[in-house]
Structures are given as C-alpha cells and as structure tokens.
Amino acid sequence: MSEQERSDRLTSAIGVDDIRALAGPATPHFALQIRNRIKRLIAPLPADHPARIEGEREAGRLTELANHSGEPRGAGPTARRT
C-alpha cells in the first residue's frame, strides 16, 4: 500500500465518512500507513472540525492496532534468571 494520496482527496472537502472509509478496513500490517494518510488529510482542518476529531480518534486506534501486528518492534521479552 502506498502512502501516496489521491489528488482529489487533497483538494476536496474531507468529511467524517472519508476518514471512516480509510480507517475501517485497516489491518495491523497497514495500520501505521493508514494512520499517516489520515494525519496528512486532517492536518489543515481546524481543531473542532468533525473530520479532524474523527481522524484523531482513528489515528489513536490505528496506532494501537499496529501494536498487534505480530511483528514486535522493540525490546523483546527479557530472559528469566533462575
């Protein structure tokens, strides 16, 4: 999946339905890429815009979803000392 956005999405009004359409079918593997696309789309919107509010909520959900991708990134479990 490319993080390149469709040019018509960047010039047209972004709505709550657009955010939901992007985030809805997200899988853990692509969650961070979709989150980045949503963040780019909502960046120019005012803080009280419904699409921005929904986008920020979905961005948080996608970040959490990415934590369950089966590809841990970070320190693994520590070995137990006996």
C-alpha atoms as a PDB file:
ATOM      1  CA  MET A   1       0.000   0.000   0.000  1.00  0.00           C
ATOM      2  CA  SER A   2       1.359   3.349  -0.963  1.00  0.00           C
ATOM      3  CA  GLU A   3       1.168   6.353   1.309  1.00  0.00           C
ATOM      4  CA  GLN A   4       0.635   8.492  -1.776  1.00  0.00           C
ATOM      5  CA  GLU A   5      -2.743  10.182  -1.526  1.00  0.00           C
ATOM      6  CA  ARG A   6      -5.222  10.542  -4.364  1.00  0.00           C
ATOM      7  CA  SER A   7      -5.029  14.117  -5.586  1.00  0.00           C
ATOM      8  CA  ASP A   8      -8.820  14.566  -5.469  1.00  0.00           C
ATOM      9  CA  ARG A   9      -8.800  13.807  -1.736  1.00  0.00           C
ATOM     10  CA  LEU A  10      -6.310  16.587  -1.131  1.00  0.00           C
ATOM     11  CA  THR A  11      -8.388  19.237  -2.911  1.00  0.00           C
ATOM     12  CA  SER A  12     -11.931  18.253  -1.927  1.00  0.00           C
ATOM     13  CA  ALA A  13     -13.597  18.723   1.432  1.00  0.00           C
ATOM     14  CA  ILE A  14     -12.715  15.941   3.851  1.00  0.00           C
ATOM     15  CA  GLY A  15     -15.582  14.504   5.836  1.00  0.00           C
ATOM     16  CA  VAL A  16     -16.098  12.010   8.616  1.00  0.00           C
ATOM     17  CA  ASP A  17     -17.150   9.387   6.049  1.00  0.00           C
ATOM     18  CA  ASP A  18     -13.813   9.798   4.223  1.00  0.00           C
ATOM     19  CA  ILE A  19     -11.915   9.123   7.446  1.00  0.00           C
ATOM     20  CA  ARG A  20     -14.053   6.091   8.224  1.00  0.00           C
ATOM     21  CA  ALA A  21     -13.623   4.755   4.681  1.00  0.00           C
ATOM     22  CA  LEU A  22      -9.837   4.895   5.051  1.00  0.00           C
ATOM     23  CA  ALA A  23      -9.624   3.523   8.579  1.00  0.00           C
ATOM     24  CA  GLY A  24     -12.410   0.953   8.533  1.00  0.00           C
ATOM     25  CA  PRO A  25     -10.739  -1.913   6.667  1.00  0.00           C
ATOM     26  CA  ALA A  26      -7.330  -1.417   8.307  1.00  0.00           C
ATOM     27  CA  THR A  27      -5.297  -4.461   9.215  1.00  0.00           C
ATOM     28  CA  PRO A  28      -2.465  -4.429  11.764  1.00  0.00           C
ATOM     29  CA  HIS A  29       0.101  -4.693   8.972  1.00  0.00           C
ATOM     30  CA  PHE A  30      -1.043  -1.466   7.254  1.00  0.00           C
ATOM     31  CA  ALA A  31      -2.339   0.438  10.281  1.00  0.00           C
ATOM     32  CA  LEU A  32       0.577   2.869  10.539  1.00  0.00           C
ATOM     33  CA  GLN A  33       0.497   3.717   6.841  1.00  0.00           C
ATOM     34  CA  ILE A  34      -3.228   4.424   7.003  1.00  0.00           C
ATOM     35  CA  ARG A  35      -2.722   6.455  10.179  1.00  0.00           C
ATOM     36  CA  ASN A  36      -0.144   8.602   8.381  1.00  0.00           C
ATOM     37  CA  ARG A  37      -2.520   9.181   5.461  1.00  0.00           C
ATOM     38  CA  ILE A  38      -5.287  10.258   7.823  1.00  0.00           C
ATOM     39  CA  LYS A  39      -2.963  12.612   9.693  1.00  0.00           C
ATOM     40  CA  ARG A  40      -1.964  14.265   6.412  1.00  0.00           C
ATOM     41  CA  LEU A  41      -5.599  14.689   5.405  1.00  0.00           C
ATOM     42  CA  ILE A  42      -6.725  16.252   8.683  1.00  0.00           C
ATOM     43  CA  ALA A  43      -3.665  18.458   9.255  1.00  0.00           C
ATOM     44  CA  PRO A  44      -5.146  21.583   7.613  1.00  0.00           C
ATOM     45  CA  LEU A  45      -8.522  21.211   9.332  1.00  0.00           C
ATOM     46  CA  PRO A  46      -9.426  23.290  12.403  1.00  0.00           C
ATOM     47  CA  ALA A  47      -9.338  21.524  15.772  1.00  0.00           C
ATOM     48  CA  ASP A  48     -13.139  21.498  16.094  1.00  0.00           C
ATOM     49  CA  HIS A  49     -13.828  20.097  12.607  1.00  0.00           C
ATOM     50  CA  PRO A  50     -15.758  16.799  12.849  1.00  0.00           C
ATOM     51  CA  ALA A  51     -13.432  15.059  10.366  1.00  0.00           C
ATOM     52  CA  ARG A  52     -10.380  16.118  12.376  1.00  0.00           C
ATOM     53  CA  ILE A  53     -11.910  14.851  15.605  1.00  0.00           C
ATOM     54  CA  GLU A  54     -12.770  11.524  13.964  1.00  0.00           C
ATOM     55  CA  GLY A  55      -9.340  11.389  12.310  1.00  0.00           C
ATOM     56  CA  GLU A  56      -7.512  11.862  15.592  1.00  0.00           C
ATOM     57  CA  ARG A  57      -9.643   9.178  17.225  1.00  0.00           C
ATOM     58  CA  GLU A  58      -8.966   6.760  14.357  1.00  0.00           C
ATOM     59  CA  ALA A  59      -5.250   7.604  14.362  1.00  0.00           C
ATOM     60  CA  GLY A  60      -5.085   6.515  18.004  1.00  0.00           C
ATOM     61  CA  ARG A  61      -6.975   3.318  17.240  1.00  0.00           C
ATOM     62  CA  LEU A  62      -4.693   2.544  14.303  1.00  0.00           C
ATOM     63  CA  THR A  63      -1.594   3.093  16.430  1.00  0.00           C
ATOM     64  CA  GLU A  64      -2.963   0.586  18.941  1.00  0.00           C
ATOM     65  CA  LEU A  65      -3.906  -1.822  16.147  1.00  0.00           C
ATOM     66  CA  ALA A  66      -0.332  -1.712  14.825  1.00  0.00           C
ATOM     67  CA  ASN A  67       0.890  -2.974  18.183  1.00  0.00           C
ATOM     68  CA  HIS A  68      -0.834  -6.265  17.402  1.00  0.00           C
ATOM     69  CA  SER A  69       0.743  -6.842  14.009  1.00  0.00           C
ATOM     70  CA  GLY A  70       2.708  -9.899  15.050  1.00  0.00           C
ATOM     71  CA  GLU A  71       5.892  -8.010  14.235  1.00  0.00           C
ATOM     72  CA  PRO A  72       7.046  -6.616  17.554  1.00  0.00           C
ATOM     73  CA  ARG A  73       9.362  -3.665  17.179  1.00  0.00           C
ATOM     74  CA  GLY A  74      11.325  -3.003  20.285  1.00  0.00           C
ATOM     75  CA  ALA A  75      12.799  -4.830  23.187  1.00  0.00           C
ATOM     76  CA  GLY A  76      11.663  -8.395  23.336  1.00  0.00           C
ATOM     77  CA  PRO A  77      10.833 -10.240  26.498  1.00  0.00           C
ATOM     78  CA  THR A  78      13.672 -10.403  28.939  1.00  0.00           C
ATOM     79  CA  ALA A  79      15.104 -13.778  29.835  1.00  0.00           C
ATOM     80  CA  ARG A  80      14.212 -15.005  33.272  1.00  0.00           C
ATOM     81  CA  ARG A  81      17.059 -15.651  35.602  1.00  0.00           C
ATOM     82  CA  THR A  82      16.737 -18.705  37.756  1.00  0.00           C
END
